[in-house]
Amino acid sequence: MIPSRKAAALVLLAALSLRMYDVHAQHTDQQIAAILMVANRAEIEAGNLALSRSQRRSIQNFAGQMIAEHRDLYQSAVELTQRLMLYPENSRMSEAFRNEGDDNLARLNAADEYAFDGDYLYQQVTYNQQLVHAVDNTLLPSAKNAELKALLVRARVIFILNLDHAIRLQSARVW
């Protein structure tokens, strides 16, 4: 498949996956915590795969940054849930993000060495767009606990910076 058609197909898949859950549904703090943990775990796993598969220093540096930032967010979410005695609870949205993360890993594992870096960057753009959208339209408006809201605001900044970084790497065609 030529790159532009492949990119268009991936955009369509990403758009369809967003429709798997109601972005305006109300979520409990327990569900929000689960969504945050699932999404960060998926980003860590994708970053680990990129570290092992990419041949380019710029992609490896980006993947290392992704791992560090998302590991920190994940750990913060775990500590917050333990401190507040919030027991993460699955929802349609957490399952959609889990499935999307698993699908992304499967696609990246199937990518040949020449397509991997571009596919990884594309996956980072689409997944972080989904995360920002979810935080803005569902998670922040639904969150009740002030500490959880603060963590979501911090996560949102990281998602936006990662999105920007991935777009800049794509535009520079460093891969």
N, C-alpha and C. Protein backbone atom coordinates (compact mmCIF):
# COMPACT_ATOMS: atom_id res chain seq x y z
N MET A 1 0.86 -1.17 0.00
CA MET A 1 0.00 0.00 0.00
C MET A 1 0.90 1.23 0.00
N ILE A 2 0.59 2.21 -0.83
CA ILE A 2 1.42 3.40 -0.88
C ILE A 2 1.19 4.22 0.39
N PRO A 3 2.21 5.00 0.81
CA PRO A 3 2.14 5.69 2.10
C PRO A 3 0.90 6.56 2.29
N SER A 4 0.48 7.32 1.26
CA SER A 4 -0.67 8.21 1.45
C SER A 4 -1.96 7.41 1.66
N ARG A 5 -2.11 6.30 0.95
CA ARG A 5 -3.29 5.46 1.15
C ARG A 5 -3.25 4.76 2.50
N LYS A 6 -2.06 4.37 2.89
CA LYS A 6 -1.90 3.72 4.19
C LYS A 6 -2.25 4.71 5.29
N ALA A 7 -1.77 5.94 5.16
CA ALA A 7 -2.08 6.97 6.14
C ALA A 7 -3.58 7.24 6.18
N ALA A 8 -4.21 7.31 5.03
CA ALA A 8 -5.66 7.56 4.98
C ALA A 8 -6.42 6.41 5.65
N ALA A 9 -5.97 5.19 5.41
CA ALA A 9 -6.62 4.04 6.05
C ALA A 9 -6.47 4.08 7.56
N LEU A 10 -5.29 4.48 8.03
CA LEU A 10 -5.06 4.58 9.47
C LEU A 10 -5.89 5.69 10.09
N VAL A 11 -6.06 6.82 9.37
CA VAL A 11 -6.90 7.91 9.86
C VAL A 11 -8.33 7.42 10.01
N LEU A 12 -8.81 6.68 9.04
CA LEU A 12 -10.17 6.14 9.09
C LEU A 12 -10.32 5.20 10.28
N LEU A 13 -9.35 4.33 10.49
CA LEU A 13 -9.40 3.42 11.64
C LEU A 13 -9.42 4.18 12.95
N ALA A 14 -8.59 5.21 13.05
CA ALA A 14 -8.56 6.01 14.28
C ALA A 14 -9.89 6.71 14.51
N ALA A 15 -10.47 7.26 13.45
CA ALA A 15 -11.76 7.94 13.58
C ALA A 15 -12.84 6.96 14.00
N LEU A 16 -12.83 5.77 13.44
CA LEU A 16 -13.82 4.77 13.82
C LEU A 16 -13.66 4.33 15.26
N SER A 17 -12.41 4.22 15.72
CA SER A 17 -12.20 3.79 17.09
C SER A 17 -12.70 4.83 18.09
N LEU A 18 -12.65 6.12 17.70
CA LEU A 18 -13.19 7.15 18.58
C LEU A 18 -14.70 7.01 18.75
N ARG A 19 -15.36 6.44 17.79
CA ARG A 19 -16.81 6.29 17.85
C ARG A 19 -17.21 5.08 18.69
N MET A 20 -16.23 4.34 19.19
CA MET A 20 -16.54 3.14 19.97
C MET A 20 -17.07 3.50 21.36
N TYR A 21 -16.92 4.73 21.77
CA TYR A 21 -17.42 5.14 23.06
C TYR A 21 -18.06 6.52 22.93
N ASP A 22 -18.93 6.82 23.84
CA ASP A 22 -19.61 8.11 23.84
C ASP A 22 -18.72 9.11 24.56
N VAL A 23 -18.16 10.06 23.79
CA VAL A 23 -17.22 11.01 24.37
C VAL A 23 -17.88 11.96 25.36
N HIS A 24 -19.19 12.05 25.33
CA HIS A 24 -19.88 12.96 26.24
C HIS A 24 -20.51 12.23 27.43
N ALA A 25 -20.25 10.94 27.54
CA ALA A 25 -20.78 10.18 28.67
C ALA A 25 -20.08 10.62 29.95
N GLN A 26 -20.80 10.55 31.04
CA GLN A 26 -20.23 10.86 32.35
C GLN A 26 -19.47 9.64 32.86
N HIS A 27 -18.32 9.89 33.46
CA HIS A 27 -17.51 8.82 34.02
C HIS A 27 -17.25 9.11 35.49
N THR A 28 -17.13 8.05 36.26
CA THR A 28 -16.79 8.20 37.67
C THR A 28 -15.29 8.42 37.78
N ASP A 29 -14.85 8.87 38.93
CA ASP A 29 -13.41 9.04 39.15
C ASP A 29 -12.68 7.71 39.02
N GLN A 30 -13.31 6.62 39.44
CA GLN A 30 -12.70 5.30 39.32
C GLN A 30 -12.51 4.93 37.84
N GLN A 31 -13.49 5.25 37.01
CA GLN A 31 -13.38 4.97 35.58
C GLN A 31 -12.32 5.87 34.93
N ILE A 32 -12.27 7.11 35.35
CA ILE A 32 -11.28 8.05 34.80
C ILE A 32 -9.88 7.56 35.15
N ALA A 33 -9.69 7.11 36.37
CA ALA A 33 -8.38 6.59 36.77
C ALA A 33 -7.98 5.40 35.90
N ALA A 34 -8.93 4.52 35.63
CA ALA A 34 -8.65 3.35 34.79
C ALA A 34 -8.28 3.78 33.38
N ILE A 35 -9.00 4.75 32.83
CA ILE A 35 -8.72 5.24 31.48
C ILE A 35 -7.32 5.82 31.43
N LEU A 36 -6.97 6.63 32.41
CA LEU A 36 -5.65 7.24 32.45
C LEU A 36 -4.55 6.18 32.55
N MET A 37 -4.77 5.17 33.36
CA MET A 37 -3.77 4.11 33.51
C MET A 37 -3.63 3.28 32.23
N VAL A 38 -4.75 2.93 31.62
CA VAL A 38 -4.74 2.15 30.37
C VAL A 38 -4.00 2.91 29.27
N ALA A 39 -4.34 4.18 29.11
CA ALA A 39 -3.73 4.98 28.04
C ALA A 39 -2.22 5.14 28.25
N ASN A 40 -1.81 5.38 29.47
CA ASN A 40 -0.38 5.54 29.72
C ASN A 40 0.37 4.23 29.56
N ARG A 41 -0.24 3.14 29.96
CA ARG A 41 0.40 1.83 29.76
C ARG A 41 0.59 1.55 28.27
N ALA A 42 -0.41 1.88 27.46
CA ALA A 42 -0.31 1.67 26.00
C ALA A 42 0.83 2.51 25.42
N GLU A 43 0.98 3.73 25.90
CA GLU A 43 2.06 4.59 25.41
C GLU A 43 3.43 4.06 25.82
N ILE A 44 3.53 3.53 27.01
CA ILE A 44 4.78 2.93 27.48
C ILE A 44 5.15 1.73 26.61
N GLU A 45 4.17 0.87 26.35
CA GLU A 45 4.42 -0.33 25.53
C GLU A 45 4.83 0.04 24.11
N ALA A 46 4.17 1.04 23.53
CA ALA A 46 4.53 1.48 22.17
C ALA A 46 5.93 2.08 22.17
N GLY A 47 6.26 2.85 23.19
CA GLY A 47 7.60 3.43 23.30
C GLY A 47 8.67 2.36 23.43
N ASN A 48 8.41 1.35 24.24
CA ASN A 48 9.37 0.25 24.38
C ASN A 48 9.59 -0.46 23.05
N LEU A 49 8.52 -0.67 22.30
CA LEU A 49 8.64 -1.31 21.00
C LEU A 49 9.46 -0.43 20.06
N ALA A 50 9.21 0.88 20.08
CA ALA A 50 9.95 1.79 19.21
C ALA A 50 11.43 1.82 19.58
N LEU A 51 11.74 1.76 20.86
CA LEU A 51 13.14 1.72 21.28
C LEU A 51 13.85 0.49 20.71
N SER A 52 13.15 -0.62 20.69
CA SER A 52 13.78 -1.85 20.23
C SER A 52 13.79 -1.98 18.70
N ARG A 53 12.85 -1.34 18.01
CA ARG A 53 12.75 -1.53 16.56
C ARG A 53 13.32 -0.41 15.72
N SER A 54 13.29 0.81 16.22
CA SER A 54 13.72 1.93 15.40
C SER A 54 15.24 1.95 15.24
N GLN A 55 15.66 2.38 14.07
CA GLN A 55 17.08 2.51 13.78
C GLN A 55 17.54 3.96 13.84
N ARG A 56 16.60 4.86 14.07
CA ARG A 56 16.91 6.29 14.02
C ARG A 56 16.96 6.89 15.41
N ARG A 57 18.02 7.64 15.64
CA ARG A 57 18.25 8.25 16.95
C ARG A 57 17.08 9.17 17.35
N SER A 58 16.55 9.95 16.41
CA SER A 58 15.47 10.89 16.75
C SER A 58 14.22 10.15 17.23
N ILE A 59 13.92 9.02 16.62
CA ILE A 59 12.76 8.23 17.02
C ILE A 59 13.03 7.54 18.36
N GLN A 60 14.25 7.05 18.53
CA GLN A 60 14.60 6.43 19.80
C GLN A 60 14.54 7.44 20.95
N ASN A 61 15.03 8.66 20.70
CA ASN A 61 14.96 9.71 21.73
C ASN A 61 13.51 10.05 22.07
N PHE A 62 12.69 10.16 21.04
CA PHE A 62 11.27 10.44 21.25
C PHE A 62 10.62 9.30 22.04
N ALA A 63 10.91 8.08 21.67
CA ALA A 63 10.34 6.92 22.37
C ALA A 63 10.78 6.89 23.82
N GLY A 64 12.05 7.19 24.07
CA GLY A 64 12.55 7.24 25.44
C GLY A 64 11.84 8.30 26.26
N GLN A 65 11.59 9.45 25.64
CA GLN A 65 10.85 10.52 26.30
C GLN A 65 9.43 10.07 26.60
N MET A 66 8.80 9.40 25.64
CA MET A 66 7.44 8.91 25.83
C MET A 66 7.38 7.93 27.00
N ILE A 67 8.31 7.03 27.06
CA ILE A 67 8.34 6.04 28.13
C ILE A 67 8.47 6.73 29.48
N ALA A 68 9.42 7.65 29.59
CA ALA A 68 9.66 8.33 30.87
C ALA A 68 8.44 9.14 31.31
N GLU A 69 7.87 9.91 30.40
CA GLU A 69 6.73 10.75 30.76
C GLU A 69 5.50 9.93 31.11
N HIS A 70 5.22 8.91 30.32
CA HIS A 70 4.03 8.11 30.58
C HIS A 70 4.21 7.18 31.77
N ARG A 71 5.43 6.76 32.02
CA ARG A 71 5.68 5.96 33.23
C ARG A 71 5.43 6.84 34.47
N ASP A 72 5.87 8.09 34.40
CA ASP A 72 5.65 9.02 35.50
C ASP A 72 4.15 9.28 35.71
N LEU A 73 3.42 9.50 34.61
CA LEU A 73 1.97 9.71 34.72
C LEU A 73 1.27 8.47 35.27
N TYR A 74 1.68 7.31 34.79
CA TYR A 74 1.08 6.06 35.25
C TYR A 74 1.32 5.89 36.76
N GLN A 75 2.56 6.13 37.17
CA GLN A 75 2.89 5.99 38.59
C GLN A 75 2.12 7.00 39.43
N SER A 76 1.98 8.20 38.94
CA SER A 76 1.19 9.22 39.65
C SER A 76 -0.26 8.79 39.79
N ALA A 77 -0.81 8.19 38.75
CA ALA A 77 -2.18 7.70 38.80
C ALA A 77 -2.32 6.57 39.81
N VAL A 78 -1.36 5.66 39.83
CA VAL A 78 -1.39 4.55 40.79
C VAL A 78 -1.34 5.10 42.22
N GLU A 79 -0.40 6.02 42.46
CA GLU A 79 -0.26 6.59 43.80
C GLU A 79 -1.53 7.34 44.22
N LEU A 80 -2.12 8.07 43.30
CA LEU A 80 -3.34 8.81 43.60
C LEU A 80 -4.50 7.86 43.93
N THR A 81 -4.65 6.81 43.15
CA THR A 81 -5.74 5.87 43.42
C THR A 81 -5.55 5.16 44.76
N GLN A 82 -4.30 4.87 45.09
CA GLN A 82 -4.04 4.23 46.38
C GLN A 82 -4.32 5.19 47.53
N ARG A 83 -3.84 6.42 47.40
CA ARG A 83 -4.02 7.40 48.46
C ARG A 83 -5.51 7.73 48.69
N LEU A 84 -6.26 7.83 47.61
CA LEU A 84 -7.68 8.18 47.71
C LEU A 84 -8.59 6.96 47.84
N MET A 85 -7.98 5.78 47.79
CA MET A 85 -8.71 4.52 47.82
C MET A 85 -9.75 4.47 46.69
N LEU A 86 -9.32 4.91 45.51
CA LEU A 86 -10.12 4.81 44.29
C LEU A 86 -9.72 3.51 43.62
N TYR A 87 -10.66 2.65 43.38
CA TYR A 87 -10.35 1.39 42.73
C TYR A 87 -10.70 1.53 41.25
N PRO A 88 -9.67 1.54 40.37
CA PRO A 88 -9.94 1.73 38.94
C PRO A 88 -11.01 0.76 38.44
N GLU A 89 -11.89 1.31 37.63
CA GLU A 89 -13.05 0.58 37.14
C GLU A 89 -13.11 0.71 35.62
N ASN A 90 -13.22 -0.42 34.95
CA ASN A 90 -13.29 -0.40 33.48
C ASN A 90 -14.57 0.27 33.00
N SER A 91 -14.48 0.82 31.81
CA SER A 91 -15.63 1.43 31.15
C SER A 91 -15.49 1.18 29.65
N ARG A 92 -16.48 1.58 28.90
CA ARG A 92 -16.37 1.45 27.44
C ARG A 92 -15.17 2.23 26.91
N MET A 93 -14.92 3.38 27.50
CA MET A 93 -13.80 4.19 27.04
C MET A 93 -12.45 3.54 27.38
N SER A 94 -12.31 3.01 28.57
CA SER A 94 -11.04 2.36 28.92
C SER A 94 -10.81 1.14 28.04
N GLU A 95 -11.89 0.40 27.75
CA GLU A 95 -11.76 -0.75 26.85
C GLU A 95 -11.40 -0.30 25.44
N ALA A 96 -11.98 0.81 24.98
CA ALA A 96 -11.66 1.32 23.64
C ALA A 96 -10.19 1.73 23.56
N PHE A 97 -9.69 2.41 24.60
CA PHE A 97 -8.28 2.80 24.60
C PHE A 97 -7.37 1.57 24.72
N ARG A 98 -7.79 0.58 25.51
CA ARG A 98 -7.00 -0.66 25.61
C ARG A 98 -6.94 -1.37 24.26
N ASN A 99 -8.09 -1.49 23.61
CA ASN A 99 -8.13 -2.15 22.30
C ASN A 99 -7.33 -1.38 21.27
N GLU A 100 -7.45 -0.06 21.28
CA GLU A 100 -6.68 0.75 20.33
C GLU A 100 -5.18 0.59 20.58
N GLY A 101 -4.77 0.57 21.85
CA GLY A 101 -3.36 0.36 22.17
C GLY A 101 -2.87 -1.00 21.70
N ASP A 102 -3.68 -2.03 21.92
CA ASP A 102 -3.32 -3.38 21.46
C ASP A 102 -3.24 -3.44 19.94
N ASP A 103 -4.21 -2.81 19.28
CA ASP A 103 -4.21 -2.79 17.81
C ASP A 103 -2.99 -2.04 17.28
N ASN A 104 -2.64 -0.93 17.93
CA ASN A 104 -1.46 -0.18 17.53
C ASN A 104 -0.20 -1.03 17.64
N LEU A 105 -0.08 -1.74 18.75
CA LEU A 105 1.09 -2.62 18.93
C LEU A 105 1.14 -3.70 17.86
N ALA A 106 0.00 -4.28 17.55
CA ALA A 106 -0.05 -5.32 16.51
C ALA A 106 0.37 -4.75 15.16
N ARG A 107 -0.13 -3.56 14.82
CA ARG A 107 0.26 -2.93 13.55
C ARG A 107 1.75 -2.61 13.53
N LEU A 108 2.26 -2.10 14.64
CA LEU A 108 3.69 -1.76 14.70
C LEU A 108 4.55 -3.02 14.63
N ASN A 109 4.13 -4.08 15.29
CA ASN A 109 4.88 -5.33 15.23
C ASN A 109 4.90 -5.90 13.81
N ALA A 110 3.83 -5.66 13.06
CA ALA A 110 3.74 -6.18 11.69
C ALA A 110 4.46 -5.31 10.67
N ALA A 111 4.79 -4.08 11.05
CA ALA A 111 5.43 -3.15 10.12
C ALA A 111 6.84 -3.62 9.78
N ASP A 112 7.21 -3.45 8.51
CA ASP A 112 8.58 -3.79 8.15
C ASP A 112 9.52 -2.68 8.64
N GLU A 113 10.81 -2.94 8.58
CA GLU A 113 11.78 -2.00 9.16
C GLU A 113 11.75 -0.64 8.48
N TYR A 114 11.36 -0.58 7.23
CA TYR A 114 11.34 0.69 6.52
C TYR A 114 10.10 1.52 6.86
N ALA A 115 9.03 0.86 7.21
CA ALA A 115 7.78 1.57 7.51
C ALA A 115 7.61 1.84 9.00
N PHE A 116 8.39 1.18 9.84
CA PHE A 116 8.15 1.24 11.27
C PHE A 116 8.15 2.66 11.82
N ASP A 117 9.17 3.43 11.55
CA ASP A 117 9.27 4.76 12.15
C ASP A 117 8.10 5.66 11.76
N GLY A 118 7.73 5.65 10.49
CA GLY A 118 6.59 6.43 10.05
C GLY A 118 5.29 5.95 10.67
N ASP A 119 5.13 4.64 10.78
CA ASP A 119 3.93 4.08 11.40
C ASP A 119 3.86 4.44 12.89
N TYR A 120 5.01 4.39 13.56
CA TYR A 120 5.05 4.73 14.99
C TYR A 120 4.67 6.20 15.18
N LEU A 121 5.24 7.08 14.38
CA LEU A 121 4.90 8.50 14.51
C LEU A 121 3.42 8.75 14.22
N TYR A 122 2.92 8.10 13.20
CA TYR A 122 1.50 8.25 12.87
C TYR A 122 0.63 7.77 14.04
N GLN A 123 1.00 6.65 14.61
CA GLN A 123 0.26 6.11 15.75
C GLN A 123 0.31 7.08 16.92
N GLN A 124 1.45 7.71 17.14
CA GLN A 124 1.58 8.67 18.23
C GLN A 124 0.69 9.89 18.00
N VAL A 125 0.63 10.36 16.77
CA VAL A 125 -0.23 11.50 16.45
C VAL A 125 -1.69 11.15 16.72
N THR A 126 -2.15 10.04 16.17
CA THR A 126 -3.57 9.71 16.31
C THR A 126 -3.95 9.38 17.76
N TYR A 127 -3.11 8.63 18.46
CA TYR A 127 -3.45 8.24 19.83
C TYR A 127 -3.46 9.46 20.74
N ASN A 128 -2.47 10.35 20.58
CA ASN A 128 -2.44 11.54 21.42
C ASN A 128 -3.57 12.50 21.08
N GLN A 129 -3.99 12.56 19.83
CA GLN A 129 -5.17 13.35 19.48
C GLN A 129 -6.40 12.79 20.21
N GLN A 130 -6.53 11.48 20.23
CA GLN A 130 -7.65 10.85 20.92
C GLN A 130 -7.61 11.13 22.41
N LEU A 131 -6.41 11.09 22.98
CA LEU A 131 -6.27 11.35 24.41
C LEU A 131 -6.64 12.78 24.76
N VAL A 132 -6.17 13.74 23.99
CA VAL A 132 -6.50 15.14 24.25
C VAL A 132 -8.01 15.35 24.13
N HIS A 133 -8.59 14.76 23.10
CA HIS A 133 -10.03 14.87 22.90
C HIS A 133 -10.79 14.28 24.09
N ALA A 134 -10.38 13.13 24.54
CA ALA A 134 -11.05 12.49 25.68
C ALA A 134 -10.90 13.31 26.95
N VAL A 135 -9.71 13.83 27.20
CA VAL A 135 -9.50 14.64 28.40
C VAL A 135 -10.38 15.89 28.34
N ASP A 136 -10.37 16.57 27.21
CA ASP A 136 -11.12 17.82 27.08
C ASP A 136 -12.63 17.63 27.15
N ASN A 137 -13.13 16.60 26.51
CA ASN A 137 -14.57 16.46 26.34
C ASN A 137 -15.25 15.50 27.32
N THR A 138 -14.47 14.65 27.97
CA THR A 138 -15.09 13.66 28.85
C THR A 138 -14.45 13.62 30.23
N LEU A 139 -13.15 13.43 30.28
CA LEU A 139 -12.52 13.15 31.56
C LEU A 139 -12.51 14.35 32.50
N LEU A 140 -12.03 15.50 32.03
CA LEU A 140 -12.02 16.69 32.90
C LEU A 140 -13.43 17.12 33.31
N PRO A 141 -14.38 17.17 32.38
CA PRO A 141 -15.73 17.56 32.81
C PRO A 141 -16.37 16.56 33.80
N SER A 142 -15.97 15.30 33.73
CA SER A 142 -16.57 14.28 34.60
C SER A 142 -15.87 14.15 35.95
N ALA A 143 -14.60 14.52 36.02
CA ALA A 143 -13.82 14.30 37.26
C ALA A 143 -14.39 15.13 38.41
N LYS A 144 -14.50 14.49 39.54
CA LYS A 144 -15.01 15.16 40.75
C LYS A 144 -13.88 15.54 41.70
N ASN A 145 -12.88 14.69 41.83
CA ASN A 145 -11.80 14.92 42.78
C ASN A 145 -10.81 15.94 42.22
N ALA A 146 -10.44 16.92 43.04
CA ALA A 146 -9.54 17.99 42.61
C ALA A 146 -8.14 17.46 42.25
N GLU A 147 -7.64 16.48 42.98
CA GLU A 147 -6.32 15.93 42.68
C GLU A 147 -6.33 15.16 41.36
N LEU A 148 -7.41 14.47 41.09
CA LEU A 148 -7.54 13.75 39.83
C LEU A 148 -7.63 14.75 38.68
N LYS A 149 -8.37 15.84 38.88
CA LYS A 149 -8.44 16.88 37.85
C LYS A 149 -7.06 17.47 37.59
N ALA A 150 -6.28 17.70 38.65
CA ALA A 150 -4.93 18.25 38.48
C ALA A 150 -4.06 17.27 37.70
N LEU A 151 -4.19 15.99 37.97
CA LEU A 151 -3.43 14.99 37.23
C LEU A 151 -3.85 14.96 35.76
N LEU A 152 -5.13 15.11 35.50
CA LEU A 152 -5.61 15.16 34.12
C LEU A 152 -5.08 16.38 33.38
N VAL A 153 -5.01 17.51 34.06
CA VAL A 153 -4.46 18.72 33.45
C VAL A 153 -2.99 18.50 33.11
N ARG A 154 -2.26 17.90 34.04
CA ARG A 154 -0.84 17.59 33.79
C ARG A 154 -0.70 16.61 32.62
N ALA A 155 -1.55 15.59 32.60
CA ALA A 155 -1.51 14.60 31.51
C ALA A 155 -1.83 15.27 30.18
N ARG A 156 -2.81 16.16 30.18
CA ARG A 156 -3.21 16.85 28.95
C ARG A 156 -2.03 17.63 28.36
N VAL A 157 -1.29 18.32 29.21
CA VAL A 157 -0.12 19.07 28.74
C VAL A 157 0.89 18.11 28.09
N ILE A 158 1.13 16.99 28.72
CA ILE A 158 2.08 16.00 28.18
C ILE A 158 1.56 15.44 26.86
N PHE A 159 0.27 15.12 26.79
CA PHE A 159 -0.30 14.59 25.54
C PHE A 159 -0.14 15.61 24.41
N ILE A 160 -0.38 16.88 24.69
CA ILE A 160 -0.26 17.92 23.66
C ILE A 160 1.19 18.09 23.23
N LEU A 161 2.11 18.10 24.18
CA LEU A 161 3.53 18.23 23.83
C LEU A 161 4.02 17.03 23.03
N ASN A 162 3.56 15.83 23.40
CA ASN A 162 3.94 14.64 22.64
C ASN A 162 3.34 14.66 21.24
N LEU A 163 2.11 15.11 21.13
CA LEU A 163 1.46 15.25 19.83
C LEU A 163 2.25 16.22 18.96
N ASP A 164 2.62 17.36 19.52
CA ASP A 164 3.39 18.35 18.78
C ASP A 164 4.75 17.78 18.35
N HIS A 165 5.42 17.08 19.25
CA HIS A 165 6.72 16.50 18.94
C HIS A 165 6.60 15.48 17.80
N ALA A 166 5.59 14.63 17.87
CA ALA A 166 5.40 13.62 16.82
C ALA A 166 5.10 14.28 15.48
N ILE A 167 4.29 15.33 15.49
CA ILE A 167 3.98 16.04 14.24
C ILE A 167 5.23 16.69 13.67
N ARG A 168 6.04 17.28 14.54
CA ARG A 168 7.29 17.91 14.06
C ARG A 168 8.24 16.86 13.47
N LEU A 169 8.33 15.70 14.09
CA LEU A 169 9.18 14.64 13.55
C LEU A 169 8.64 14.15 12.20
N GLN A 170 7.32 14.02 12.11
CA GLN A 170 6.71 13.63 10.83
C GLN A 170 7.02 14.66 9.76
N SER A 171 6.83 15.94 10.10
CA SER A 171 7.03 17.02 9.12
C SER A 171 8.47 17.11 8.66
N ALA A 172 9.39 16.85 9.56
CA ALA A 172 10.81 16.92 9.23
C ALA A 172 11.26 15.69 8.45
N ARG A 173 10.39 14.68 8.45
CA ARG A 173 10.72 13.41 7.78
C ARG A 173 12.09 12.89 8.20
N VAL A 174 12.30 12.90 9.52
CA VAL A 174 13.57 12.42 10.05
C VAL A 174 13.66 10.91 10.03
N TRP A 175 12.60 10.28 9.65
CA TRP A 175 12.56 8.82 9.65
C TRP A 175 12.70 8.37 8.24
